[in-house]
Amino acid sequence: VAKNLFLWPGRSIARKGLELPLALWIDWVLPKRRIIEIYLN
């Protein structure tokens, strides 16, 4: 979800480095049900 919403496609260490804190933030502020809903969409 973090990658699809905020970052670029492709694989790189830089993207992974940005993805992790974004994912932790998303997990902290959104319930799992909303994360799944965003992912599906």
PDB file of all heavy atoms in Angstrom:
ATOM      1  N   VAL A   1       0.846  -1.197   0.000  1.00  0.00           N
ATOM      2  CA  VAL A   1       0.000   0.000   0.000  1.00  0.00           C
ATOM      3  C   VAL A   1       0.882   1.248   0.000  1.00  0.00           C
ATOM      4  O   VAL A   1       0.646   2.182  -0.768  1.00  0.00           O
ATOM      5  CB  VAL A   1      -0.979  -0.003   1.201  1.00  0.00           C
ATOM      6  CG1 VAL A   1      -1.629   1.364   1.398  1.00  0.00           C
ATOM      7  CG2 VAL A   1      -2.035  -1.073   1.009  1.00  0.00           C
ATOM      8  N   ALA A   2       1.904   1.265   0.847  1.00  0.00           N
ATOM      9  CA  ALA A   2       2.820   2.413   0.896  1.00  0.00           C
ATOM     10  C   ALA A   2       3.459   2.647  -0.463  1.00  0.00           C
ATOM     11  O   ALA A   2       3.507   3.779  -0.961  1.00  0.00           O
ATOM     12  CB  ALA A   2       3.889   2.183   1.960  1.00  0.00           C
ATOM     13  N   LYS A   3       3.932   1.574  -1.089  1.00  0.00           N
ATOM     14  CA  LYS A   3       4.562   1.693  -2.406  1.00  0.00           C
ATOM     15  C   LYS A   3       3.568   2.197  -3.435  1.00  0.00           C
ATOM     16  O   LYS A   3       3.853   3.139  -4.180  1.00  0.00           O
ATOM     17  CB  LYS A   3       5.130   0.343  -2.853  1.00  0.00           C
ATOM     18  CG  LYS A   3       5.762   0.391  -4.242  1.00  0.00           C
ATOM     19  CD  LYS A   3       6.047  -0.989  -4.770  1.00  0.00           C
ATOM     20  CE  LYS A   3       4.749  -1.592  -5.216  1.00  0.00           C
ATOM     21  NZ  LYS A   3       4.808  -2.764  -6.012  1.00  0.00           N
ATOM     22  N   ASN A   4       2.387   1.590  -3.486  1.00  0.00           N
ATOM     23  CA  ASN A   4       1.402   1.948  -4.508  1.00  0.00           C
ATOM     24  C   ASN A   4       0.850   3.358  -4.337  1.00  0.00           C
ATOM     25  O   ASN A   4       0.516   4.017  -5.321  1.00  0.00           O
ATOM     26  CB  ASN A   4       0.260   0.936  -4.527  1.00  0.00           C
ATOM     27  CG  ASN A   4       0.694  -0.413  -5.070  1.00  0.00           C
ATOM     28  OD1 ASN A   4       1.682  -0.531  -5.766  1.00  0.00           O
ATOM     29  ND2 ASN A   4      -0.055  -1.438  -4.730  1.00  0.00           N
ATOM     30  N   LEU A   5       0.751   3.838  -3.100  1.00  0.00           N
ATOM     31  CA  LEU A   5       0.205   5.168  -2.865  1.00  0.00           C
ATOM     32  C   LEU A   5       1.245   6.278  -2.963  1.00  0.00           C
ATOM     33  O   LEU A   5       0.945   7.366  -3.453  1.00  0.00           O
ATOM     34  CB  LEU A   5      -0.458   5.238  -1.484  1.00  0.00           C
ATOM     35  CG  LEU A   5      -1.789   4.538  -1.314  1.00  0.00           C
ATOM     36  CD1 LEU A   5      -2.276   4.671   0.126  1.00  0.00           C
ATOM     37  CD2 LEU A   5      -2.823   5.097  -2.275  1.00  0.00           C
ATOM     38  N   PHE A   6       2.461   6.029  -2.476  1.00  0.00           N
ATOM     39  CA  PHE A   6       3.415   7.116  -2.301  1.00  0.00           C
ATOM     40  C   PHE A   6       4.722   6.998  -3.088  1.00  0.00           C
ATOM     41  O   PHE A   6       5.434   7.983  -3.207  1.00  0.00           O
ATOM     42  CB  PHE A   6       3.775   7.259  -0.817  1.00  0.00           C
ATOM     43  CG  PHE A   6       2.593   7.501   0.067  1.00  0.00           C
ATOM     44  CD1 PHE A   6       2.226   6.572   1.021  1.00  0.00           C
ATOM     45  CD2 PHE A   6       1.842   8.664  -0.049  1.00  0.00           C
ATOM     46  CE1 PHE A   6       1.135   6.798   1.850  1.00  0.00           C
ATOM     47  CE2 PHE A   6       0.756   8.892   0.768  1.00  0.00           C
ATOM     48  CZ  PHE A   6       0.392   7.960   1.727  1.00  0.00           C
ATOM     49  N   LEU A   7       5.043   5.803  -3.584  1.00  0.00           N
ATOM     50  CA  LEU A   7       6.358   5.597  -4.181  1.00  0.00           C
ATOM     51  C   LEU A   7       6.255   5.159  -5.633  1.00  0.00           C
ATOM     52  O   LEU A   7       5.181   5.114  -6.205  1.00  0.00           O
ATOM     53  CB  LEU A   7       7.156   4.589  -3.341  1.00  0.00           C
ATOM     54  CG  LEU A   7       7.329   4.992  -1.866  1.00  0.00           C
ATOM     55  CD1 LEU A   7       7.927   3.850  -1.066  1.00  0.00           C
ATOM     56  CD2 LEU A   7       8.175   6.247  -1.742  1.00  0.00           C
ATOM     57  N   TRP A   8       7.356   4.831  -6.222  1.00  0.00           N
ATOM     58  CA  TRP A   8       7.433   4.455  -7.623  1.00  0.00           C
ATOM     59  C   TRP A   8       7.552   2.943  -7.758  1.00  0.00           C
ATOM     60  O   TRP A   8       7.973   2.260  -6.831  1.00  0.00           O
ATOM     61  CB  TRP A   8       8.636   5.148  -8.270  1.00  0.00           C
ATOM     62  CG  TRP A   8       9.949   4.767  -7.648  1.00  0.00           C
ATOM     63  CD1 TRP A   8      10.790   3.767  -8.051  1.00  0.00           C
ATOM     64  CD2 TRP A   8      10.581   5.358  -6.501  1.00  0.00           C
ATOM     65  NE1 TRP A   8      11.892   3.700  -7.228  1.00  0.00           N
ATOM     66  CE2 TRP A   8      11.784   4.665  -6.272  1.00  0.00           C
ATOM     67  CE3 TRP A   8      10.237   6.399  -5.642  1.00  0.00           C
ATOM     68  CZ2 TRP A   8      12.658   4.984  -5.240  1.00  0.00           C
ATOM     69  CZ3 TRP A   8      11.101   6.704  -4.608  1.00  0.00           C
ATOM     70  CH2 TRP A   8      12.293   6.009  -4.415  1.00  0.00           C
ATOM     71  N   PRO A   9       7.169   2.399  -8.917  1.00  0.00           N
ATOM     72  CA  PRO A   9       7.336   0.953  -9.132  1.00  0.00           C
ATOM     73  C   PRO A   9       8.814   0.621  -9.344  1.00  0.00           C
ATOM     74  O   PRO A   9       9.638   1.508  -9.526  1.00  0.00           O
ATOM     75  CB  PRO A   9       6.518   0.674 -10.392  1.00  0.00           C
ATOM     76  CG  PRO A   9       6.432   1.983 -11.083  1.00  0.00           C
ATOM     77  CD  PRO A   9       6.523   3.056 -10.038  1.00  0.00           C
ATOM     78  N   GLY A  10       9.101  -0.640  -9.320  1.00  0.00           N
ATOM     79  CA  GLY A  10      10.486  -1.068  -9.514  1.00  0.00           C
ATOM     80  C   GLY A  10      11.113  -1.414  -8.180  1.00  0.00           C
ATOM     81  O   GLY A  10      10.562  -1.155  -7.117  1.00  0.00           O
ATOM     82  N   ARG A  11      12.294  -2.016  -8.276  1.00  0.00           N
ATOM     83  CA  ARG A  11      12.968  -2.468  -7.066  1.00  0.00           C
ATOM     84  C   ARG A  11      14.260  -1.698  -6.880  1.00  0.00           C
ATOM     85  O   ARG A  11      15.083  -1.619  -7.784  1.00  0.00           O
ATOM     86  CB  ARG A  11      13.244  -3.963  -7.142  1.00  0.00           C
ATOM     87  CG  ARG A  11      11.959  -4.746  -7.269  1.00  0.00           C
ATOM     88  CD  ARG A  11      12.100  -6.227  -7.188  1.00  0.00           C
ATOM     89  NE  ARG A  11      13.248  -6.785  -7.846  1.00  0.00           N
ATOM     90  CZ  ARG A  11      13.324  -8.006  -8.302  1.00  0.00           C
ATOM     91  NH1 ARG A  11      12.296  -8.791  -8.190  1.00  0.00           N
ATOM     92  NH2 ARG A  11      14.412  -8.466  -8.866  1.00  0.00           N
ATOM     93  N   SER A  12      14.406  -1.136  -5.696  1.00  0.00           N
ATOM     94  CA  SER A  12      15.658  -0.471  -5.352  1.00  0.00           C
ATOM     95  C   SER A  12      15.765  -0.388  -3.837  1.00  0.00           C
ATOM     96  O   SER A  12      14.761  -0.417  -3.127  1.00  0.00           O
ATOM     97  CB  SER A  12      15.720   0.941  -5.958  1.00  0.00           C
ATOM     98  OG  SER A  12      14.838   1.806  -5.284  1.00  0.00           O
ATOM     99  N   ILE A  13      16.968  -0.264  -3.369  1.00  0.00           N
ATOM    100  CA  ILE A  13      17.187  -0.119  -1.931  1.00  0.00           C
ATOM    101  C   ILE A  13      16.592   1.196  -1.452  1.00  0.00           C
ATOM    102  O   ILE A  13      16.016   1.264  -0.366  1.00  0.00           O
ATOM    103  CB  ILE A  13      18.691  -0.217  -1.605  1.00  0.00           C
ATOM    104  CG1 ILE A  13      19.170  -1.639  -1.874  1.00  0.00           C
ATOM    105  CG2 ILE A  13      18.967   0.178  -0.167  1.00  0.00           C
ATOM    106  CD1 ILE A  13      20.662  -1.842  -1.739  1.00  0.00           C
ATOM    107  N   ALA A  14      16.690   2.240  -2.261  1.00  0.00           N
ATOM    108  CA  ALA A  14      16.142   3.547  -1.875  1.00  0.00           C
ATOM    109  C   ALA A  14      14.630   3.463  -1.667  1.00  0.00           C
ATOM    110  O   ALA A  14      14.107   3.975  -0.666  1.00  0.00           O
ATOM    111  CB  ALA A  14      16.475   4.588  -2.944  1.00  0.00           C
ATOM    112  N   ARG A  15      13.928   2.816  -2.613  1.00  0.00           N
ATOM    113  CA  ARG A  15      12.485   2.697  -2.461  1.00  0.00           C
ATOM    114  C   ARG A  15      12.129   1.874  -1.233  1.00  0.00           C
ATOM    115  O   ARG A  15      11.239   2.223  -0.464  1.00  0.00           O
ATOM    116  CB  ARG A  15      11.843   2.073  -3.706  1.00  0.00           C
ATOM    117  CG  ARG A  15      10.335   2.357  -3.728  1.00  0.00           C
ATOM    118  CD  ARG A  15       9.497   1.351  -4.444  1.00  0.00           C
ATOM    119  NE  ARG A  15       9.425   0.125  -3.655  1.00  0.00           N
ATOM    120  CZ  ARG A  15       9.438  -1.086  -4.192  1.00  0.00           C
ATOM    121  NH1 ARG A  15       9.530  -1.259  -5.473  1.00  0.00           N
ATOM    122  NH2 ARG A  15       9.372  -2.153  -3.423  1.00  0.00           N
ATOM    123  N   LYS A  16      12.840   0.761  -1.010  1.00  0.00           N
ATOM    124  CA  LYS A  16      12.587  -0.077   0.168  1.00  0.00           C
ATOM    125  C   LYS A  16      12.838   0.717   1.445  1.00  0.00           C
ATOM    126  O   LYS A  16      12.107   0.577   2.422  1.00  0.00           O
ATOM    127  CB  LYS A  16      13.500  -1.293   0.161  1.00  0.00           C
ATOM    128  CG  LYS A  16      12.947  -2.641  -0.202  1.00  0.00           C
ATOM    129  CD  LYS A  16      11.595  -2.951   0.275  1.00  0.00           C
ATOM    130  CE  LYS A  16      11.169  -4.263  -0.334  1.00  0.00           C
ATOM    131  NZ  LYS A  16       9.789  -4.554  -0.184  1.00  0.00           N
ATOM    132  N   GLY A  17      13.885   1.544   1.427  1.00  0.00           N
ATOM    133  CA  GLY A  17      14.201   2.357   2.597  1.00  0.00           C
ATOM    134  C   GLY A  17      13.113   3.360   2.930  1.00  0.00           C
ATOM    135  O   GLY A  17      12.871   3.665   4.094  1.00  0.00           O
ATOM    136  N   LEU A  18      12.450   3.882   1.928  1.00  0.00           N
ATOM    137  CA  LEU A  18      11.336   4.805   2.139  1.00  0.00           C
ATOM    138  C   LEU A  18      10.039   4.071   2.465  1.00  0.00           C
ATOM    139  O   LEU A  18       9.192   4.565   3.208  1.00  0.00           O
ATOM    140  CB  LEU A  18      11.132   5.672   0.892  1.00  0.00           C
ATOM    141  CG  LEU A  18      12.250   6.655   0.577  1.00  0.00           C
ATOM    142  CD1 LEU A  18      12.046   7.261  -0.803  1.00  0.00           C
ATOM    143  CD2 LEU A  18      12.335   7.729   1.650  1.00  0.00           C
ATOM    144  N   GLU A  19       9.903   2.883   1.907  1.00  0.00           N
ATOM    145  CA  GLU A  19       8.676   2.105   2.068  1.00  0.00           C
ATOM    146  C   GLU A  19       8.448   1.675   3.517  1.00  0.00           C
ATOM    147  O   GLU A  19       7.327   1.736   4.009  1.00  0.00           O
ATOM    148  CB  GLU A  19       8.794   0.874   1.170  1.00  0.00           C
ATOM    149  CG  GLU A  19       7.606  -0.018   1.086  1.00  0.00           C
ATOM    150  CD  GLU A  19       7.893  -1.176   0.151  1.00  0.00           C
ATOM    151  OE1 GLU A  19       8.061  -0.957  -1.069  1.00  0.00           O
ATOM    152  OE2 GLU A  19       7.964  -2.320   0.662  1.00  0.00           O
ATOM    153  N   LEU A  20       9.500   1.274   4.186  1.00  0.00           N
ATOM    154  CA  LEU A  20       9.359   0.749   5.546  1.00  0.00           C
ATOM    155  C   LEU A  20       8.782   1.771   6.526  1.00  0.00           C
ATOM    156  O   LEU A  20       7.783   1.476   7.191  1.00  0.00           O
ATOM    157  CB  LEU A  20      10.688   0.185   6.053  1.00  0.00           C
ATOM    158  CG  LEU A  20      10.647  -0.452   7.429  1.00  0.00           C
ATOM    159  CD1 LEU A  20       9.667  -1.606   7.466  1.00  0.00           C
ATOM    160  CD2 LEU A  20      12.034  -0.920   7.825  1.00  0.00           C
ATOM    161  N   PRO A  21       9.345   2.987   6.636  1.00  0.00           N
ATOM    162  CA  PRO A  21       8.731   3.928   7.586  1.00  0.00           C
ATOM    163  C   PRO A  21       7.314   4.342   7.177  1.00  0.00           C
ATOM    164  O   PRO A  21       6.457   4.558   8.040  1.00  0.00           O
ATOM    165  CB  PRO A  21       9.679   5.130   7.595  1.00  0.00           C
ATOM    166  CG  PRO A  21      10.595   4.961   6.453  1.00  0.00           C
ATOM    167  CD  PRO A  21      10.568   3.520   6.063  1.00  0.00           C
ATOM    168  N   LEU A  22       7.054   4.432   5.879  1.00  0.00           N
ATOM    169  CA  LEU A  22       5.692   4.739   5.434  1.00  0.00           C
ATOM    170  C   LEU A  22       4.732   3.628   5.854  1.00  0.00           C
ATOM    171  O   LEU A  22       3.622   3.897   6.309  1.00  0.00           O
ATOM    172  CB  LEU A  22       5.645   4.925   3.917  1.00  0.00           C
ATOM    173  CG  LEU A  22       6.202   6.242   3.386  1.00  0.00           C
ATOM    174  CD1 LEU A  22       6.340   6.180   1.864  1.00  0.00           C
ATOM    175  CD2 LEU A  22       5.334   7.412   3.805  1.00  0.00           C
ATOM    176  N   ALA A  23       5.155   2.380   5.698  1.00  0.00           N
ATOM    177  CA  ALA A  23       4.314   1.243   6.081  1.00  0.00           C
ATOM    178  C   ALA A  23       4.060   1.243   7.587  1.00  0.00           C
ATOM    179  O   ALA A  23       2.935   0.970   8.031  1.00  0.00           O
ATOM    180  CB  ALA A  23       4.961  -0.064   5.641  1.00  0.00           C
ATOM    181  N   LEU A  24       5.076   1.540   8.363  1.00  0.00           N
ATOM    182  CA  LEU A  24       4.892   1.599   9.818  1.00  0.00           C
ATOM    183  C   LEU A  24       3.898   2.703  10.185  1.00  0.00           C
ATOM    184  O   LEU A  24       3.028   2.513  11.043  1.00  0.00           O
ATOM    185  CB  LEU A  24       6.233   1.831  10.514  1.00  0.00           C
ATOM    186  CG  LEU A  24       7.214   0.665  10.435  1.00  0.00           C
ATOM    187  CD1 LEU A  24       8.571   1.080  10.975  1.00  0.00           C
ATOM    188  CD2 LEU A  24       6.680  -0.543  11.174  1.00  0.00           C
ATOM    189  N   TRP A  25       3.994   3.856   9.526  1.00  0.00           N
ATOM    190  CA  TRP A  25       3.063   4.955   9.767  1.00  0.00           C
ATOM    191  C   TRP A  25       1.635   4.545   9.391  1.00  0.00           C
ATOM    192  O   TRP A  25       0.699   4.778  10.153  1.00  0.00           O
ATOM    193  CB  TRP A  25       3.513   6.200   8.986  1.00  0.00           C
ATOM    194  CG  TRP A  25       2.553   7.331   9.108  1.00  0.00           C
ATOM    195  CD1 TRP A  25       2.397   8.180  10.171  1.00  0.00           C
ATOM    196  CD2 TRP A  25       1.587   7.732   8.130  1.00  0.00           C
ATOM    197  NE1 TRP A  25       1.401   9.090   9.905  1.00  0.00           N
ATOM    198  CE2 TRP A  25       0.885   8.843   8.657  1.00  0.00           C
ATOM    199  CE3 TRP A  25       1.260   7.274   6.860  1.00  0.00           C
ATOM    200  CZ2 TRP A  25      -0.126   9.479   7.962  1.00  0.00           C
ATOM    201  CZ3 TRP A  25       0.256   7.918   6.173  1.00  0.00           C
ATOM    202  CH2 TRP A  25      -0.437   9.008   6.718  1.00  0.00           C
ATOM    203  N   ILE A  26       1.479   3.938   8.216  1.00  0.00           N
ATOM    204  CA  ILE A  26       0.150   3.492   7.768  1.00  0.00           C
ATOM    205  C   ILE A  26      -0.430   2.502   8.774  1.00  0.00           C
ATOM    206  O   ILE A  26      -1.595   2.590   9.152  1.00  0.00           O
ATOM    207  CB  ILE A  26       0.227   2.858   6.358  1.00  0.00           C
ATOM    208  CG1 ILE A  26       0.495   3.947   5.315  1.00  0.00           C
ATOM    209  CG2 ILE A  26      -1.057   2.097   6.023  1.00  0.00           C
ATOM    210  CD1 ILE A  26       0.861   3.394   3.942  1.00  0.00           C
ATOM    211  N   ASP A  27       0.390   1.562   9.217  1.00  0.00           N
ATOM    212  CA  ASP A  27      -0.071   0.562  10.180  1.00  0.00           C
ATOM    213  C   ASP A  27      -0.475   1.207  11.504  1.00  0.00           C
ATOM    214  O   ASP A  27      -1.366   0.725  12.189  1.00  0.00           O
ATOM    215  CB  ASP A  27       1.036  -0.467  10.405  1.00  0.00           C
ATOM    216  CG  ASP A  27       0.510  -1.863  10.594  1.00  0.00           C
ATOM    217  OD1 ASP A  27      -0.664  -2.121  10.287  1.00  0.00           O
ATOM    218  OD2 ASP A  27       1.293  -2.717  11.060  1.00  0.00           O
ATOM    219  N   TRP A  28       0.170   2.286  11.843  1.00  0.00           N
ATOM    220  CA  TRP A  28      -0.111   2.970  13.103  1.00  0.00           C
ATOM    221  C   TRP A  28      -1.402   3.780  13.038  1.00  0.00           C
ATOM    222  O   TRP A  28      -2.149   3.831  14.009  1.00  0.00           O
ATOM    223  CB  TRP A  28       1.073   3.870  13.462  1.00  0.00           C
ATOM    224  CG  TRP A  28       0.961   4.500  14.810  1.00  0.00           C
ATOM    225  CD1 TRP A  28       0.955   3.871  16.030  1.00  0.00           C
ATOM    226  CD2 TRP A  28       0.825   5.893  15.076  1.00  0.00           C
ATOM    227  NE1 TRP A  28       0.831   4.785  17.040  1.00  0.00           N
ATOM    228  CE2 TRP A  28       0.759   6.046  16.473  1.00  0.00           C
ATOM    229  CE3 TRP A  28       0.768   7.023  14.275  1.00  0.00           C
ATOM    230  CZ2 TRP A  28       0.615   7.279  17.085  1.00  0.00           C
ATOM    231  CZ3 TRP A  28       0.643   8.250  14.892  1.00  0.00           C
ATOM    232  CH2 TRP A  28       0.571   8.372  16.278  1.00  0.00           C
ATOM    233  N   VAL A  29      -1.684   4.405  11.885  1.00  0.00           N
ATOM    234  CA  VAL A  29      -2.824   5.318  11.809  1.00  0.00           C
ATOM    235  C   VAL A  29      -4.097   4.705  11.225  1.00  0.00           C
ATOM    236  O   VAL A  29      -5.175   5.286  11.379  1.00  0.00           O
ATOM    237  CB  VAL A  29      -2.481   6.614  11.021  1.00  0.00           C
ATOM    238  CG1 VAL A  29      -1.346   7.363  11.688  1.00  0.00           C
ATOM    239  CG2 VAL A  29      -2.162   6.323   9.576  1.00  0.00           C
ATOM    240  N   LEU A  30      -3.992   3.571  10.576  1.00  0.00           N
ATOM    241  CA  LEU A  30      -5.175   2.977   9.944  1.00  0.00           C
ATOM    242  C   LEU A  30      -5.471   1.587  10.503  1.00  0.00           C
ATOM    243  O   LEU A  30      -4.550   0.803  10.737  1.00  0.00           O
ATOM    244  CB  LEU A  30      -4.973   2.855   8.432  1.00  0.00           C
ATOM    245  CG  LEU A  30      -4.822   4.149   7.641  1.00  0.00           C
ATOM    246  CD1 LEU A  30      -4.524   3.835   6.183  1.00  0.00           C
ATOM    247  CD2 LEU A  30      -6.059   5.003   7.760  1.00  0.00           C
ATOM    248  N   PRO A  31      -6.744   1.263  10.654  1.00  0.00           N
ATOM    249  CA  PRO A  31      -7.081  -0.106  11.059  1.00  0.00           C
ATOM    250  C   PRO A  31      -6.822  -1.068   9.895  1.00  0.00           C
ATOM    251  O   PRO A  31      -6.823  -0.669   8.723  1.00  0.00           O
ATOM    252  CB  PRO A  31      -8.571  -0.032  11.386  1.00  0.00           C
ATOM    253  CG  PRO A  31      -9.077   1.197  10.725  1.00  0.00           C
ATOM    254  CD  PRO A  31      -7.910   2.134  10.551  1.00  0.00           C
ATOM    255  N   LYS A  32      -6.621  -2.313  10.206  1.00  0.00           N
ATOM    256  CA  LYS A  32      -6.315  -3.324   9.184  1.00  0.00           C
ATOM    257  C   LYS A  32      -7.393  -3.392   8.105  1.00  0.00           C
ATOM    258  O   LYS A  32      -7.094  -3.545   6.927  1.00  0.00           O
ATOM    259  CB  LYS A  32      -6.136  -4.716   9.811  1.00  0.00           C
ATOM    260  CG  LYS A  32      -4.885  -4.854  10.616  1.00  0.00           C
ATOM    261  CD  LYS A  32      -3.668  -4.792   9.737  1.00  0.00           C
ATOM    262  CE  LYS A  32      -2.414  -4.979  10.554  1.00  0.00           C
ATOM    263  NZ  LYS A  32      -1.229  -4.615   9.806  1.00  0.00           N
ATOM    264  N   ARG A  33      -8.624  -3.272   8.492  1.00  0.00           N
ATOM    265  CA  ARG A  33      -9.723  -3.334   7.519  1.00  0.00           C
ATOM    266  C   ARG A  33      -9.567  -2.238   6.464  1.00  0.00           C
ATOM    267  O   ARG A  33      -9.782  -2.473   5.277  1.00  0.00           O
ATOM    268  CB  ARG A  33     -11.059  -3.235   8.240  1.00  0.00           C
ATOM    269  CG  ARG A  33     -12.240  -3.426   7.324  1.00  0.00           C
ATOM    270  CD  ARG A  33     -13.559  -3.306   8.097  1.00  0.00           C
ATOM    271  NE  ARG A  33     -14.668  -3.536   7.216  1.00  0.00           N
ATOM    272  CZ  ARG A  33     -15.357  -4.650   7.143  1.00  0.00           C
ATOM    273  NH1 ARG A  33     -15.054  -5.661   7.931  1.00  0.00           N
ATOM    274  NH2 ARG A  33     -16.350  -4.772   6.300  1.00  0.00           N
ATOM    275  N   ARG A  34      -9.197  -1.031   6.879  1.00  0.00           N
ATOM    276  CA  ARG A  34      -9.015   0.082   5.931  1.00  0.00           C
ATOM    277  C   ARG A  34      -7.792  -0.156   5.054  1.00  0.00           C
ATOM    278  O   ARG A  34      -7.815   0.155   3.859  1.00  0.00           O
ATOM    279  CB  ARG A  34      -8.883   1.403   6.697  1.00  0.00           C
ATOM    280  CG  ARG A  34      -8.707   2.601   5.811  1.00  0.00           C
ATOM    281  CD  ARG A  34      -9.963   2.905   5.006  1.00  0.00           C
ATOM    282  NE  ARG A  34      -9.773   4.129   4.254  1.00  0.00           N
ATOM    283  CZ  ARG A  34     -10.034   4.275   2.963  1.00  0.00           C
ATOM    284  NH1 ARG A  34     -10.582   3.287   2.285  1.00  0.00           N
ATOM    285  NH2 ARG A  34      -9.793   5.401   2.353  1.00  0.00           N
ATOM    286  N   ILE A  35      -6.726  -0.726   5.611  1.00  0.00           N
ATOM    287  CA  ILE A  35      -5.530  -1.036   4.823  1.00  0.00           C
ATOM    288  C   ILE A  35      -5.874  -2.039   3.725  1.00  0.00           C
ATOM    289  O   ILE A  35      -5.482  -1.871   2.569  1.00  0.00           O
ATOM    290  CB  ILE A  35      -4.390  -1.557   5.730  1.00  0.00           C
ATOM    291  CG1 ILE A  35      -3.899  -0.438   6.649  1.00  0.00           C
ATOM    292  CG2 ILE A  35      -3.228  -2.100   4.880  1.00  0.00           C
ATOM    293  CD1 ILE A  35      -2.965  -0.909   7.753  1.00  0.00           C
ATOM    294  N   ILE A  36      -6.644  -3.055   4.074  1.00  0.00           N
ATOM    295  CA  ILE A  36      -7.065  -4.052   3.081  1.00  0.00           C
ATOM    296  C   ILE A  36      -7.932  -3.394   2.010  1.00  0.00           C
ATOM    297  O   ILE A  36      -7.779  -3.649   0.818  1.00  0.00           O
ATOM    298  CB  ILE A  36      -7.821  -5.224   3.752  1.00  0.00           C
ATOM    299  CG1 ILE A  36      -6.873  -6.049   4.606  1.00  0.00           C
ATOM    300  CG2 ILE A  36      -8.518  -6.101   2.728  1.00  0.00           C
ATOM    301  CD1 ILE A  36      -5.827  -6.830   3.847  1.00  0.00           C
ATOM    302  N   GLU A  37      -8.848  -2.534   2.433  1.00  0.00           N
ATOM    303  CA  GLU A  37      -9.715  -1.837   1.480  1.00  0.00           C
ATOM    304  C   GLU A  37      -8.895  -0.998   0.495  1.00  0.00           C
ATOM    305  O   GLU A  37      -9.127  -1.034  -0.718  1.00  0.00           O
ATOM    306  CB  GLU A  37     -10.695  -0.941   2.234  1.00  0.00           C
ATOM    307  CG  GLU A  37     -11.643  -0.177   1.339  1.00  0.00           C
ATOM    308  CD  GLU A  37     -12.551   0.756   2.125  1.00  0.00           C
ATOM    309  OE1 GLU A  37     -12.500   0.790   3.372  1.00  0.00           O
ATOM    310  OE2 GLU A  37     -13.321   1.474   1.467  1.00  0.00           O
ATOM    311  N   ILE A  38      -7.915  -0.276   1.003  1.00  0.00           N
ATOM    312  CA  ILE A  38      -7.048   0.529   0.129  1.00  0.00           C
ATOM    313  C   ILE A  38      -6.276  -0.384  -0.814  1.00  0.00           C
ATOM    314  O   ILE A  38      -6.197  -0.139  -2.017  1.00  0.00           O
ATOM    315  CB  ILE A  38      -6.098   1.412   0.957  1.00  0.00           C
ATOM    316  CG1 ILE A  38      -6.892   2.490   1.699  1.00  0.00           C
ATOM    317  CG2 ILE A  38      -5.031   2.046   0.063  1.00  0.00           C
ATOM    318  CD1 ILE A  38      -6.083   3.227   2.758  1.00  0.00           C
ATOM    319  N   TYR A  39      -5.707  -1.450  -0.266  1.00  0.00           N
ATOM    320  CA  TYR A  39      -4.937  -2.384  -1.087  1.00  0.00           C
ATOM    321  C   TYR A  39      -5.778  -2.929  -2.240  1.00  0.00           C
ATOM    322  O   TYR A  39      -5.341  -2.943  -3.394  1.00  0.00           O
ATOM    323  CB  TYR A  39      -4.418  -3.537  -0.225  1.00  0.00           C
ATOM    324  CG  TYR A  39      -3.709  -4.593  -1.023  1.00  0.00           C
ATOM    325  CD1 TYR A  39      -2.434  -4.366  -1.520  1.00  0.00           C
ATOM    326  CD2 TYR A  39      -4.319  -5.803  -1.301  1.00  0.00           C
ATOM    327  CE1 TYR A  39      -1.772  -5.327  -2.271  1.00  0.00           C
ATOM    328  CE2 TYR A  39      -3.671  -6.771  -2.048  1.00  0.00           C
ATOM    329  CZ  TYR A  39      -2.397  -6.526  -2.518  1.00  0.00           C
ATOM    330  OH  TYR A  39      -1.769  -7.482  -3.269  1.00  0.00           O
ATOM    331  N   LEU A  40      -6.989  -3.374  -1.930  1.00  0.00           N
ATOM    332  CA  LEU A  40      -7.865  -3.936  -2.959  1.00  0.00           C
ATOM    333  C   LEU A  40      -8.185  -2.920  -4.049  1.00  0.00           C
ATOM    334  O   LEU A  40      -8.432  -3.291  -5.197  1.00  0.00           O
ATOM    335  CB  LEU A  40      -9.157  -4.451  -2.338  1.00  0.00           C
ATOM    336  CG  LEU A  40      -9.034  -5.667  -1.426  1.00  0.00           C
ATOM    337  CD1 LEU A  40     -10.373  -5.972  -0.760  1.00  0.00           C
ATOM    338  CD2 LEU A  40      -8.509  -6.873  -2.174  1.00  0.00           C
ATOM    339  N   ASN A  41      -8.178  -1.653  -3.691  1.00  0.00           N
ATOM    340  CA  ASN A  41      -8.545  -0.624  -4.651  1.00  0.00           C
ATOM    341  C   ASN A  41      -7.365   0.021  -5.372  1.00  0.00           C
ATOM    342  O   ASN A  41      -7.596   0.788  -6.311  1.00  0.00           O
ATOM    343  CB  ASN A  41      -9.409   0.436  -3.972  1.00  0.00           C
ATOM    344  CG  ASN A  41     -10.802  -0.096  -3.737  1.00  0.00           C
ATOM    345  OD1 ASN A  41     -11.502  -0.443  -4.668  1.00  0.00           O
ATOM    346  ND2 ASN A  41     -11.193  -0.203  -2.484  1.00  0.00           N
TER     347      ASN A  41
END
